[in-house]
Amino acid sequence: MTDEKLQKVLARSGLGSRREMERWIEEGRIQINDQVATLGDRVTERDLIKVDGRLLEIESGRHKAARVLIYNKPVGEVCTRHDPEGRPTVFDNLPKLKQERWVAIGRLDINTSGLLVFTTDGEIANKMMHPSSNIDREYAVRVLGEVNDDMLQRLKDGVLLDDGMAKFSDVQYFDGEGANKWFHCVVMEGRNREVRRLWESQGLQVNRLKRVRFGPVFLPSDVKVGTWRALGQKEVNVLTDELELERRVVPAIKPEDLEKVKREYKRQRARQNTDKPQEAPVAERRRRKVRYVGKRG
């Protein structure tokens, strides 16, 4: 490979997100050719990179293997590796990795359920999370209260919140009668509790919130709450193409690991999901001229 930024190479190697790798560099945990690395350093395949004293084997992005999986987060789990309060985390149910680590793409608060995307490739994670990529997020939300057209228009035009202006790029009625109704809404940012705060600004109460799409990745109806599904090679190809990244190779499952995967899949399917499948609004699906990952049919 030609010379690349050190944090980009580290992230692509599955150690964490690019931002996290920048922190590691600042903390002096990375060495290049036995010299402590600094932010701004660039490396090639000829350089010897050590992380916490251990030699890291680097590869070009074209031949890099990457795993990506979809996880259906339940309410009550937190998006952190280790919680000081001892609460369950989204990493508890993920398959174990020997030499890599899962990087969470985006976060959901403890009371929000739905789609989380994990990958071992920090470059994919960075591309999906960086504001310059303009990746939208779609949520299914059940609100308590009377919703009228003027409210919906205000939510699309923009509302001044404590941390600045915010809006839905799209919001549509989905289902429900009486006091509780389901809507689908789309945001372009990942600000803390943004969806809830937007609805609350109109005097409405959010009593259910579930993410159903992150950019080109949908939450399929067959991925039950608290379970995951790994993306296959074709799906990862679609994702990297949409992100305008070099294609990755999805590692094949070793024969000795196949039975473990089958047992884990059966265990996951034994769990029950009482959520109604929430599909994206038809108008939104038609407007976005992209291929989707995780969508059946």
Protein backbone atom coordinates (compact mmCIF):
# COMPACT_ATOMS: atom_id res chain seq x y z
CA MET A 1 0.00 0.00 0.00
CA THR A 2 1.02 3.63 -0.33
CA ASP A 3 1.61 5.57 2.86
CA GLU A 4 -1.55 6.08 4.92
CA LYS A 5 -2.45 7.81 8.15
CA LEU A 6 -1.54 5.66 11.14
CA GLN A 7 -4.97 5.90 12.81
CA LYS A 8 -6.65 4.79 9.57
CA VAL A 9 -4.46 1.68 9.33
CA LEU A 10 -5.01 0.84 13.01
CA ALA A 11 -8.78 1.24 12.68
CA ARG A 12 -8.89 -0.95 9.57
CA SER A 13 -7.01 -3.62 11.49
CA GLY A 14 -10.02 -4.07 13.78
CA LEU A 15 -8.60 -2.51 16.94
CA GLY A 16 -11.29 0.15 17.26
CA SER A 17 -12.72 3.26 15.65
CA ARG A 18 -10.44 5.88 14.12
CA ARG A 19 -11.24 8.30 16.94
CA GLU A 20 -10.32 5.67 19.52
CA MET A 21 -7.06 4.96 17.70
CA GLU A 22 -6.22 8.67 17.83
CA ARG A 23 -6.59 8.52 21.61
CA TRP A 24 -4.29 5.49 21.75
CA ILE A 25 -1.67 7.40 19.76
CA GLU A 26 -1.94 10.40 22.09
CA GLU A 27 -1.53 8.06 25.08
CA GLY A 28 1.75 6.75 23.65
CA ARG A 29 0.51 3.18 23.18
CA ILE A 30 1.62 2.95 19.54
CA GLN A 31 5.17 2.63 18.20
CA ILE A 32 6.46 2.85 14.63
CA ASN A 33 9.83 1.19 14.06
CA ASP A 34 10.46 1.30 17.85
CA GLN A 35 9.66 5.05 18.03
CA VAL A 36 6.63 6.39 19.88
CA ALA A 37 4.07 7.45 17.28
CA THR A 38 2.42 10.85 17.12
CA LEU A 39 -0.76 12.10 15.47
CA GLY A 40 -0.09 12.81 11.81
CA ASP A 41 2.35 9.93 11.31
CA ARG A 42 1.92 7.92 8.10
CA VAL A 43 2.95 4.30 7.55
CA THR A 44 3.40 1.72 4.79
CA GLU A 45 3.51 -2.08 4.76
CA ARG A 46 7.26 -1.88 5.34
CA ASP A 47 6.88 -0.19 8.73
CA LEU A 48 6.83 -2.16 11.98
CA ILE A 49 3.88 -1.09 14.12
CA LYS A 50 3.56 -2.12 17.76
CA VAL A 51 0.48 -1.72 19.91
CA ASP A 52 1.19 -1.93 23.64
CA GLY A 53 4.46 -3.60 22.75
CA ARG A 54 2.93 -6.24 20.45
CA LEU A 55 3.73 -6.33 16.75
CA LEU A 56 0.73 -5.60 14.50
CA GLU A 57 0.48 -7.18 11.07
CA ILE A 58 -1.00 -4.69 8.63
CA GLU A 59 -2.57 -5.37 5.27
CA SER A 60 -3.85 -3.27 2.41
CA GLY A 61 -7.51 -2.28 2.52
CA ARG A 62 -8.27 -4.23 -0.69
CA HIS A 63 -7.34 -7.55 0.87
CA LYS A 64 -8.45 -6.82 4.42
CA ALA A 65 -10.96 -9.19 5.95
CA ALA A 66 -13.92 -7.59 7.71
CA ARG A 67 -16.84 -8.91 9.69
CA VAL A 68 -20.10 -6.99 9.95
CA LEU A 69 -23.15 -8.01 11.92
CA ILE A 70 -26.63 -6.71 12.67
CA TYR A 71 -27.81 -6.74 16.29
CA ASN A 72 -31.35 -6.13 17.56
CA LYS A 73 -30.78 -4.30 20.83
CA PRO A 74 -33.35 -4.77 23.59
CA VAL A 75 -34.38 -2.06 26.04
CA GLY A 76 -32.20 -2.21 29.15
CA GLU A 77 -28.81 -2.81 27.52
CA VAL A 78 -26.16 -0.07 27.43
CA CYS A 79 -23.81 0.67 24.53
CA THR A 80 -20.53 0.27 26.39
CA ARG A 81 -18.06 -2.59 26.81
CA HIS A 82 -17.98 -2.43 30.60
CA ASP A 83 -20.65 -0.78 32.71
CA PRO A 84 -19.62 0.35 36.22
CA GLU A 85 -23.18 -0.21 37.42
CA GLY A 86 -23.14 -3.82 36.25
CA ARG A 87 -25.93 -3.43 33.71
CA PRO A 88 -26.01 -5.75 30.66
CA THR A 89 -24.21 -4.36 27.61
CA VAL A 90 -24.75 -4.78 23.89
CA PHE A 91 -21.42 -6.63 23.69
CA ASP A 92 -22.51 -9.44 26.04
CA ASN A 93 -24.40 -11.40 23.36
CA LEU A 94 -21.99 -10.90 20.46
CA PRO A 95 -19.83 -13.76 19.14
CA LYS A 96 -16.37 -13.86 20.69
CA LEU A 97 -13.33 -12.86 18.63
CA LYS A 98 -9.79 -14.05 19.23
CA GLN A 99 -7.58 -11.36 17.69
CA GLU A 100 -10.06 -8.64 16.75
CA ARG A 101 -12.71 -6.63 18.54
CA TRP A 102 -16.19 -5.46 17.67
CA VAL A 103 -16.62 -1.75 16.98
CA ALA A 104 -20.14 -0.39 17.54
CA ILE A 105 -21.38 1.91 14.76
CA GLY A 106 -23.34 4.56 16.61
CA ARG A 107 -25.09 4.25 19.93
CA LEU A 108 -28.59 3.85 21.34
CA ASP A 109 -29.62 4.93 24.82
CA ILE A 110 -30.72 2.36 27.40
CA ASN A 111 -34.44 2.90 26.70
CA THR A 112 -34.15 2.65 22.90
CA SER A 113 -34.24 -0.68 21.08
CA GLY A 114 -33.51 -1.78 17.55
CA LEU A 115 -30.71 -1.80 15.03
CA LEU A 116 -27.06 -1.66 15.97
CA VAL A 117 -24.33 -2.42 13.45
CA PHE A 118 -21.00 -3.88 14.58
CA THR A 119 -17.85 -4.43 12.55
CA THR A 120 -14.23 -5.41 13.00
CA ASP A 121 -13.24 -2.77 10.44
CA GLY A 122 -12.66 0.67 11.90
CA GLU A 123 -12.69 2.32 8.48
CA ILE A 124 -16.23 1.09 7.82
CA ALA A 125 -17.28 2.30 11.28
CA ASN A 126 -15.69 5.71 10.79
CA LYS A 127 -17.28 6.17 7.36
CA MET A 128 -20.77 5.35 8.67
CA MET A 129 -20.48 7.59 11.74
CA HIS A 130 -18.66 10.63 10.33
CA PRO A 131 -20.99 13.63 9.77
CA SER A 132 -19.48 14.29 6.33
CA SER A 133 -20.92 10.97 5.08
CA ASN A 134 -24.51 12.22 5.60
CA ILE A 135 -25.73 8.81 6.75
CA ASP A 136 -29.37 8.97 7.87
CA ARG A 137 -31.02 6.99 10.66
CA GLU A 138 -34.65 5.87 10.64
CA TYR A 139 -36.70 5.21 13.76
CA ALA A 140 -40.09 3.72 14.49
CA VAL A 141 -41.63 5.74 17.33
CA ARG A 142 -44.86 5.34 19.27
CA VAL A 143 -46.09 8.65 20.64
CA LEU A 144 -48.82 9.44 23.14
CA GLY A 145 -50.91 12.48 22.27
CA GLU A 146 -52.72 14.11 19.39
CA VAL A 147 -50.44 14.67 16.40
CA ASN A 148 -51.57 17.13 13.73
CA ASP A 149 -50.17 18.25 10.39
CA ASP A 150 -48.82 21.51 11.82
CA MET A 151 -46.71 19.57 14.33
CA LEU A 152 -45.31 17.33 11.64
CA GLN A 153 -44.44 20.31 9.48
CA ARG A 154 -42.64 22.03 12.37
CA LEU A 155 -40.66 18.87 13.03
CA LYS A 156 -39.53 18.86 9.40
CA ASP A 157 -38.85 22.60 9.25
CA GLY A 158 -36.72 22.61 12.39
CA VAL A 159 -37.08 23.07 16.16
CA LEU A 160 -34.68 24.92 18.45
CA LEU A 161 -33.44 22.51 21.14
CA ASP A 162 -31.00 23.15 23.97
CA ASP A 163 -28.05 22.22 21.74
CA GLY A 164 -29.20 23.97 18.58
CA MET A 165 -31.62 23.50 15.70
CA ALA A 166 -32.80 19.97 14.92
CA LYS A 167 -35.32 18.46 12.54
CA PHE A 168 -36.57 15.30 10.87
CA SER A 169 -35.64 14.97 7.22
CA ASP A 170 -38.79 12.85 6.91
CA VAL A 171 -41.64 11.89 9.24
CA GLN A 172 -44.69 9.81 8.32
CA TYR A 173 -47.63 8.19 10.05
CA PHE A 174 -47.31 4.40 10.13
CA ASP A 175 -49.98 2.70 12.24
CA GLY A 176 -52.18 2.85 15.31
CA GLU A 177 -55.48 4.26 16.53
CA GLY A 178 -56.49 6.09 19.67
CA ALA A 179 -54.02 7.92 21.89
CA ASN A 180 -50.95 5.92 20.83
CA LYS A 181 -49.77 6.06 17.24
CA TRP A 182 -46.70 4.79 15.40
CA PHE A 183 -44.66 7.12 13.19
CA HIS A 184 -41.46 6.71 11.24
CA CYS A 185 -38.96 9.54 11.37
CA VAL A 186 -35.51 10.10 9.88
CA VAL A 187 -32.63 12.14 11.29
CA MET A 188 -29.26 12.94 9.74
CA GLU A 189 -27.35 13.21 13.02
CA GLY A 190 -26.80 11.08 16.10
CA ARG A 191 -27.26 13.67 18.83
CA ASN A 192 -28.11 12.50 22.33
CA ARG A 193 -31.85 11.69 22.62
CA GLU A 194 -32.52 13.83 19.55
CA VAL A 195 -35.59 11.91 18.37
CA ARG A 196 -37.21 11.92 21.80
CA ARG A 197 -36.49 15.62 22.36
CA LEU A 198 -37.97 16.59 19.01
CA TRP A 199 -41.27 14.88 19.76
CA GLU A 200 -41.31 16.21 23.33
CA SER A 201 -40.87 19.75 21.96
CA GLN A 202 -44.43 19.38 20.58
CA GLY A 203 -45.86 18.36 23.95
CA LEU A 204 -45.94 14.66 23.05
CA GLN A 205 -44.69 11.68 25.01
CA VAL A 206 -42.52 8.98 23.41
CA ASN A 207 -43.28 5.60 24.95
CA ARG A 208 -41.56 3.35 22.40
CA LEU A 209 -38.52 4.06 20.23
CA LYS A 210 -36.84 1.59 17.91
CA ARG A 211 -34.18 2.17 15.25
CA VAL A 212 -35.04 0.28 12.07
CA ARG A 213 -32.42 1.55 9.61
CA PHE A 214 -28.91 3.00 9.66
CA GLY A 215 -28.05 4.30 6.18
CA PRO A 216 -28.28 1.36 3.75
CA VAL A 217 -28.60 -1.21 6.57
CA PHE A 218 -32.09 -2.36 7.61
CA LEU A 219 -33.12 -4.36 10.66
CA PRO A 220 -34.63 -7.54 9.17
CA SER A 221 -37.77 -8.95 10.80
CA ASP A 222 -36.09 -12.34 11.34
CA VAL A 223 -33.43 -10.88 13.67
CA LYS A 224 -35.23 -11.13 16.99
CA VAL A 225 -34.65 -8.93 20.04
CA GLY A 226 -31.32 -9.70 21.70
CA THR A 227 -29.99 -11.68 18.71
CA TRP A 228 -27.59 -10.95 15.87
CA ARG A 229 -26.93 -12.00 12.29
CA ALA A 230 -23.62 -11.76 10.47
CA LEU A 231 -23.70 -10.20 7.00
CA GLY A 232 -22.58 -12.37 4.10
CA GLN A 233 -20.11 -11.46 1.41
CA LYS A 234 -22.71 -10.01 -0.98
CA GLU A 235 -24.20 -7.84 1.76
CA VAL A 236 -20.79 -6.55 2.85
CA ASN A 237 -20.03 -5.79 -0.81
CA VAL A 238 -23.21 -3.71 -1.03
CA LEU A 239 -22.28 -1.85 2.15
CA THR A 240 -18.71 -1.03 1.12
CA ASP A 241 -19.88 0.00 -2.37
CA GLU A 242 -22.44 2.40 -0.87
CA LEU A 243 -19.76 3.81 1.44
CA GLU A 244 -17.37 4.12 -1.52
CA LEU A 245 -14.75 1.97 0.21
CA GLU A 246 -12.60 -0.86 -1.11
CA ARG A 247 -14.36 -4.21 -0.83
CA ARG A 248 -13.54 -6.45 2.11
CA VAL A 249 -13.38 -10.23 2.33
CA VAL A 250 -15.74 -11.87 4.83
CA PRO A 251 -13.79 -14.64 6.61
CA ALA A 252 -15.13 -18.12 6.01
CA ILE A 253 -16.35 -20.10 8.99
CA LYS A 254 -13.97 -22.87 9.93
CA PRO A 255 -15.51 -26.38 9.89
CA GLU A 256 -14.74 -26.88 13.57
CA ASP A 257 -16.61 -23.66 14.40
CA LEU A 258 -19.69 -24.43 12.29
CA GLU A 259 -21.47 -26.46 14.97
CA LYS A 260 -20.89 -23.68 17.51
CA VAL A 261 -22.48 -21.19 15.12
CA LYS A 262 -25.46 -23.49 14.54
CA ARG A 263 -26.01 -23.94 18.28
CA GLU A 264 -25.78 -20.20 18.87
CA TYR A 265 -28.26 -19.53 16.07
CA LYS A 266 -30.76 -22.02 17.52
CA ARG A 267 -30.35 -20.44 20.95
CA GLN A 268 -31.07 -17.01 19.52
CA ARG A 269 -34.12 -18.15 17.57
CA ALA A 270 -35.56 -19.68 20.74
CA ARG A 271 -35.98 -16.17 22.12
CA GLN A 272 -39.31 -14.53 21.48
CA ASN A 273 -39.77 -11.09 19.96
CA THR A 274 -43.10 -9.42 20.69
CA ASP A 275 -42.34 -6.32 18.62
CA LYS A 276 -44.38 -5.70 15.50
CA PRO A 277 -42.02 -5.61 12.48
CA GLN A 278 -41.52 -1.98 11.54
CA GLU A 279 -40.82 -1.42 7.85
CA ALA A 280 -39.58 1.83 6.38
CA PRO A 281 -42.19 4.11 4.81
CA VAL A 282 -42.69 3.33 1.15
CA ALA A 283 -42.05 6.92 0.08
CA GLU A 284 -38.72 6.93 1.91
CA ARG A 285 -37.63 3.61 0.38
CA ARG A 286 -38.51 4.83 -3.12
CA ARG A 287 -36.77 8.17 -2.72
CA ARG A 288 -33.41 6.70 -1.64
CA LYS A 289 -31.85 5.25 -4.81
CA VAL A 290 -29.50 2.88 -3.00
CA ARG A 291 -29.25 -0.84 -2.46
CA TYR A 292 -30.13 -2.02 1.02
CA VAL A 293 -28.51 -4.49 3.36
CA GLY A 294 -30.53 -6.78 5.59
CA LYS A 295 -33.83 -6.27 3.75
CA ARG A 296 -35.65 -9.42 2.73
CA GLY A 297 -37.66 -9.67 -0.45
